[in-house]
N, C-alpha and C. Protein backbone atom coordinates (compact mmCIF):
# COMPACT_ATOMS: atom_id res chain seq x y z
N UNK A 1 121.75 85.15 83.89
CA UNK A 1 121.23 85.96 84.97
C UNK A 1 119.73 85.76 85.16
N UNK A 2 119.19 84.78 84.50
CA UNK A 2 117.79 84.47 84.74
C UNK A 2 117.69 83.35 85.75
N UNK A 3 116.52 83.18 86.29
CA UNK A 3 116.33 82.13 87.26
C UNK A 3 116.27 80.78 86.54
N UNK A 4 116.64 79.72 87.21
CA UNK A 4 116.65 78.40 86.58
C UNK A 4 115.22 77.92 86.35
N UNK A 5 115.09 76.95 85.45
CA UNK A 5 113.77 76.41 85.12
C UNK A 5 113.13 75.73 86.33
N UNK A 6 113.95 75.04 87.12
CA UNK A 6 113.42 74.38 88.32
C UNK A 6 112.88 75.39 89.33
N UNK A 7 113.64 76.46 89.53
CA UNK A 7 113.20 77.51 90.45
C UNK A 7 111.90 78.14 89.96
N UNK A 8 111.83 78.38 88.67
CA UNK A 8 110.63 78.99 88.10
C UNK A 8 109.42 78.07 88.27
N UNK A 9 109.61 76.77 88.07
CA UNK A 9 108.51 75.82 88.25
C UNK A 9 108.04 75.80 89.70
N UNK A 10 108.97 75.89 90.65
CA UNK A 10 108.59 75.92 92.06
C UNK A 10 107.81 77.18 92.39
N UNK A 11 108.23 78.31 91.82
CA UNK A 11 107.52 79.57 92.06
C UNK A 11 106.12 79.50 91.49
N UNK A 12 106.00 78.96 90.28
CA UNK A 12 104.68 78.85 89.64
C UNK A 12 103.79 77.91 90.45
N UNK A 13 104.35 76.80 90.91
CA UNK A 13 103.56 75.85 91.71
C UNK A 13 103.05 76.49 93.00
N UNK A 14 103.81 77.39 93.57
CA UNK A 14 103.40 78.02 94.82
C UNK A 14 102.41 79.16 94.66
N UNK A 15 102.23 79.65 93.43
CA UNK A 15 101.36 80.80 93.23
C UNK A 15 100.16 80.52 92.34
N UNK A 16 99.94 79.26 91.97
CA UNK A 16 98.84 78.92 91.06
C UNK A 16 97.48 79.17 91.68
N UNK A 17 96.55 79.62 90.83
CA UNK A 17 95.15 79.75 91.26
C UNK A 17 94.43 78.41 91.09
N UNK A 18 94.77 77.70 90.01
CA UNK A 18 94.19 76.39 89.71
C UNK A 18 95.26 75.54 89.03
N UNK A 19 95.04 74.25 88.86
CA UNK A 19 96.11 73.35 88.37
C UNK A 19 96.72 73.72 87.02
N UNK A 20 95.98 74.35 86.13
CA UNK A 20 96.53 74.67 84.81
C UNK A 20 96.94 76.13 84.68
N UNK A 21 96.96 76.85 85.76
CA UNK A 21 97.30 78.27 85.74
C UNK A 21 98.79 78.46 85.50
N UNK A 22 99.12 79.33 84.53
CA UNK A 22 100.53 79.60 84.28
C UNK A 22 100.81 81.08 84.00
N UNK A 23 99.79 81.93 84.01
CA UNK A 23 100.04 83.31 83.66
C UNK A 23 99.24 84.33 84.43
N UNK A 24 98.70 83.96 85.56
CA UNK A 24 97.93 84.91 86.36
C UNK A 24 98.85 85.99 86.90
N UNK A 25 98.31 87.13 87.28
CA UNK A 25 99.15 88.20 87.82
C UNK A 25 99.97 87.77 89.03
N UNK A 26 99.42 86.88 89.87
CA UNK A 26 100.17 86.41 91.03
C UNK A 26 101.45 85.69 90.61
N UNK A 27 101.33 84.85 89.59
CA UNK A 27 102.50 84.12 89.11
C UNK A 27 103.50 85.07 88.48
N UNK A 28 103.01 85.99 87.65
CA UNK A 28 103.91 86.93 86.99
C UNK A 28 104.66 87.78 88.00
N UNK A 29 103.98 88.25 89.02
CA UNK A 29 104.63 89.08 90.05
C UNK A 29 105.65 88.25 90.82
N UNK A 30 105.30 87.01 91.13
CA UNK A 30 106.22 86.14 91.88
C UNK A 30 107.48 85.85 91.08
N UNK A 31 107.34 85.54 89.81
CA UNK A 31 108.50 85.25 88.96
C UNK A 31 109.35 86.50 88.78
N UNK A 32 108.70 87.63 88.54
CA UNK A 32 109.46 88.88 88.40
C UNK A 32 110.21 89.22 89.67
N UNK A 33 109.61 88.97 90.82
CA UNK A 33 110.28 89.25 92.09
C UNK A 33 111.55 88.41 92.23
N UNK A 34 111.46 87.13 91.86
CA UNK A 34 112.65 86.27 91.94
C UNK A 34 113.74 86.76 90.98
N UNK A 35 113.35 87.18 89.78
CA UNK A 35 114.32 87.69 88.82
C UNK A 35 114.94 89.00 89.30
N UNK A 36 114.13 89.84 89.92
CA UNK A 36 114.62 91.11 90.44
C UNK A 36 115.63 90.89 91.56
N UNK A 37 115.35 89.93 92.43
CA UNK A 37 116.28 89.62 93.52
C UNK A 37 117.62 89.17 92.95
N UNK A 38 117.57 88.30 91.95
CA UNK A 38 118.81 87.80 91.35
C UNK A 38 119.57 88.92 90.63
N UNK A 39 118.86 89.76 89.89
CA UNK A 39 119.52 90.86 89.18
C UNK A 39 120.08 91.89 90.15
N UNK A 40 119.41 92.10 91.28
CA UNK A 40 119.90 93.04 92.28
C UNK A 40 121.24 92.56 92.85
N UNK A 41 121.33 91.26 93.11
CA UNK A 41 122.59 90.70 93.60
C UNK A 41 123.68 90.84 92.54
N UNK A 42 123.32 90.62 91.28
CA UNK A 42 124.29 90.79 90.19
C UNK A 42 124.77 92.23 90.11
N UNK A 43 123.86 93.17 90.26
CA UNK A 43 124.23 94.59 90.15
C UNK A 43 125.13 95.02 91.30
N UNK A 44 124.99 94.39 92.45
CA UNK A 44 125.88 94.72 93.56
C UNK A 44 127.30 94.25 93.29
N UNK A 45 127.44 93.13 92.57
CA UNK A 45 128.77 92.63 92.22
C UNK A 45 129.35 93.37 91.01
N UNK A 46 128.48 93.82 90.09
CA UNK A 46 128.93 94.46 88.85
C UNK A 46 128.20 95.80 88.67
N UNK A 47 128.62 96.82 89.40
CA UNK A 47 127.87 98.09 89.39
C UNK A 47 127.91 98.84 88.06
N UNK A 48 128.84 98.53 87.17
CA UNK A 48 128.92 99.26 85.89
C UNK A 48 128.25 98.51 84.74
N UNK A 49 127.52 97.46 85.04
CA UNK A 49 126.82 96.70 84.01
C UNK A 49 125.50 97.40 83.69
N UNK A 50 125.57 98.35 82.79
CA UNK A 50 124.42 99.20 82.50
C UNK A 50 123.32 98.46 81.72
N UNK A 51 123.67 97.48 80.93
CA UNK A 51 122.66 96.73 80.19
C UNK A 51 121.80 95.91 81.15
N UNK A 52 122.43 95.30 82.14
CA UNK A 52 121.66 94.55 83.14
C UNK A 52 120.84 95.50 84.00
N UNK A 53 121.35 96.67 84.26
CA UNK A 53 120.61 97.67 85.03
C UNK A 53 119.33 98.06 84.30
N UNK A 54 119.44 98.22 82.98
CA UNK A 54 118.28 98.56 82.17
C UNK A 54 117.23 97.44 82.26
N UNK A 55 117.68 96.18 82.16
CA UNK A 55 116.77 95.06 82.28
C UNK A 55 116.12 94.99 83.65
N UNK A 56 116.89 95.28 84.69
CA UNK A 56 116.36 95.29 86.05
C UNK A 56 115.27 96.34 86.19
N UNK A 57 115.51 97.52 85.69
CA UNK A 57 114.52 98.59 85.78
C UNK A 57 113.25 98.25 85.01
N UNK A 58 113.40 97.58 83.86
CA UNK A 58 112.21 97.18 83.10
C UNK A 58 111.39 96.14 83.87
N UNK A 59 112.08 95.21 84.54
CA UNK A 59 111.37 94.20 85.33
C UNK A 59 110.66 94.84 86.53
N UNK A 60 111.32 95.79 87.18
CA UNK A 60 110.70 96.47 88.32
C UNK A 60 109.46 97.23 87.86
N UNK A 61 109.56 97.93 86.73
CA UNK A 61 108.41 98.67 86.22
C UNK A 61 107.27 97.75 85.84
N UNK A 62 107.59 96.61 85.22
CA UNK A 62 106.56 95.64 84.85
C UNK A 62 105.86 95.10 86.10
N UNK A 63 106.65 94.79 87.14
CA UNK A 63 106.06 94.29 88.38
C UNK A 63 105.16 95.34 89.01
N UNK A 64 105.58 96.61 88.98
CA UNK A 64 104.75 97.68 89.55
C UNK A 64 103.43 97.81 88.80
N UNK A 65 103.47 97.68 87.48
CA UNK A 65 102.23 97.77 86.69
C UNK A 65 101.29 96.61 87.04
N UNK A 66 101.85 95.40 87.14
CA UNK A 66 101.02 94.25 87.51
C UNK A 66 100.48 94.39 88.93
N UNK A 67 101.29 94.92 89.84
CA UNK A 67 100.84 95.11 91.22
C UNK A 67 99.72 96.14 91.28
N UNK A 68 99.83 97.19 90.51
CA UNK A 68 98.77 98.20 90.47
C UNK A 68 97.48 97.60 89.94
N UNK A 69 97.59 96.79 88.89
CA UNK A 69 96.41 96.12 88.33
C UNK A 69 95.78 95.21 89.38
N UNK A 70 96.60 94.43 90.07
CA UNK A 70 96.07 93.51 91.06
C UNK A 70 95.43 94.24 92.24
N UNK A 71 96.07 95.33 92.64
CA UNK A 71 95.53 96.12 93.75
C UNK A 71 94.17 96.70 93.37
N UNK A 72 94.01 97.08 92.11
CA UNK A 72 92.77 97.67 91.63
C UNK A 72 91.67 96.61 91.48
N UNK A 73 92.01 95.41 91.02
CA UNK A 73 90.99 94.40 90.74
C UNK A 73 90.68 93.50 91.93
N UNK A 74 91.70 93.14 92.71
CA UNK A 74 91.48 92.23 93.85
C UNK A 74 92.46 92.59 94.97
N UNK A 75 92.07 93.55 95.78
CA UNK A 75 92.96 94.09 96.81
C UNK A 75 93.33 93.04 97.86
N UNK A 76 92.41 92.14 98.19
CA UNK A 76 92.70 91.13 99.22
C UNK A 76 93.81 90.19 98.77
N UNK A 77 93.72 89.69 97.54
CA UNK A 77 94.76 88.80 97.03
C UNK A 77 96.08 89.53 96.91
N UNK A 78 96.03 90.79 96.51
CA UNK A 78 97.27 91.56 96.41
C UNK A 78 97.93 91.71 97.78
N UNK A 79 97.14 91.99 98.81
CA UNK A 79 97.69 92.15 100.15
C UNK A 79 98.35 90.86 100.62
N UNK A 80 97.71 89.73 100.35
CA UNK A 80 98.29 88.44 100.72
C UNK A 80 99.59 88.19 99.98
N UNK A 81 99.60 88.48 98.67
CA UNK A 81 100.79 88.24 97.86
C UNK A 81 101.94 89.17 98.29
N UNK A 82 101.62 90.43 98.57
CA UNK A 82 102.64 91.38 99.00
C UNK A 82 103.26 90.94 100.32
N UNK A 83 102.44 90.43 101.22
CA UNK A 83 102.97 89.94 102.50
C UNK A 83 103.84 88.71 102.28
N UNK A 84 103.42 87.82 101.39
CA UNK A 84 104.18 86.59 101.12
C UNK A 84 105.53 86.89 100.48
N UNK A 85 105.56 87.85 99.56
CA UNK A 85 106.80 88.16 98.83
C UNK A 85 107.62 89.25 99.50
N UNK A 86 107.05 89.93 100.47
CA UNK A 86 107.77 90.99 101.16
C UNK A 86 107.82 92.28 100.38
N UNK A 87 106.76 92.55 99.61
CA UNK A 87 106.70 93.79 98.83
C UNK A 87 106.17 94.92 99.69
N UNK A 88 106.62 96.12 99.39
CA UNK A 88 106.07 97.28 100.09
C UNK A 88 104.76 97.69 99.45
N UNK A 89 104.03 98.55 100.11
CA UNK A 89 102.76 99.11 99.68
C UNK A 89 101.61 98.26 100.10
């Protein structure tokens, strides 16, 4: 239920700040968003899978914390990223 390595590499390539960047908040939020989308589709097919639901909620909370950090430190980049990923707020 995780995203494939190729998909993750494409997401990282699209959100890099510089050529060696692999852990900036933009990348983390982008990867978490892709995982959340995949887990949401899984939960629609398997509504009683409570362990996956727990993992989904943890990913959503982690993304919210990173988004709050980004909004606080660099609001312009956060606004661009939210528009690109389709996030609310």
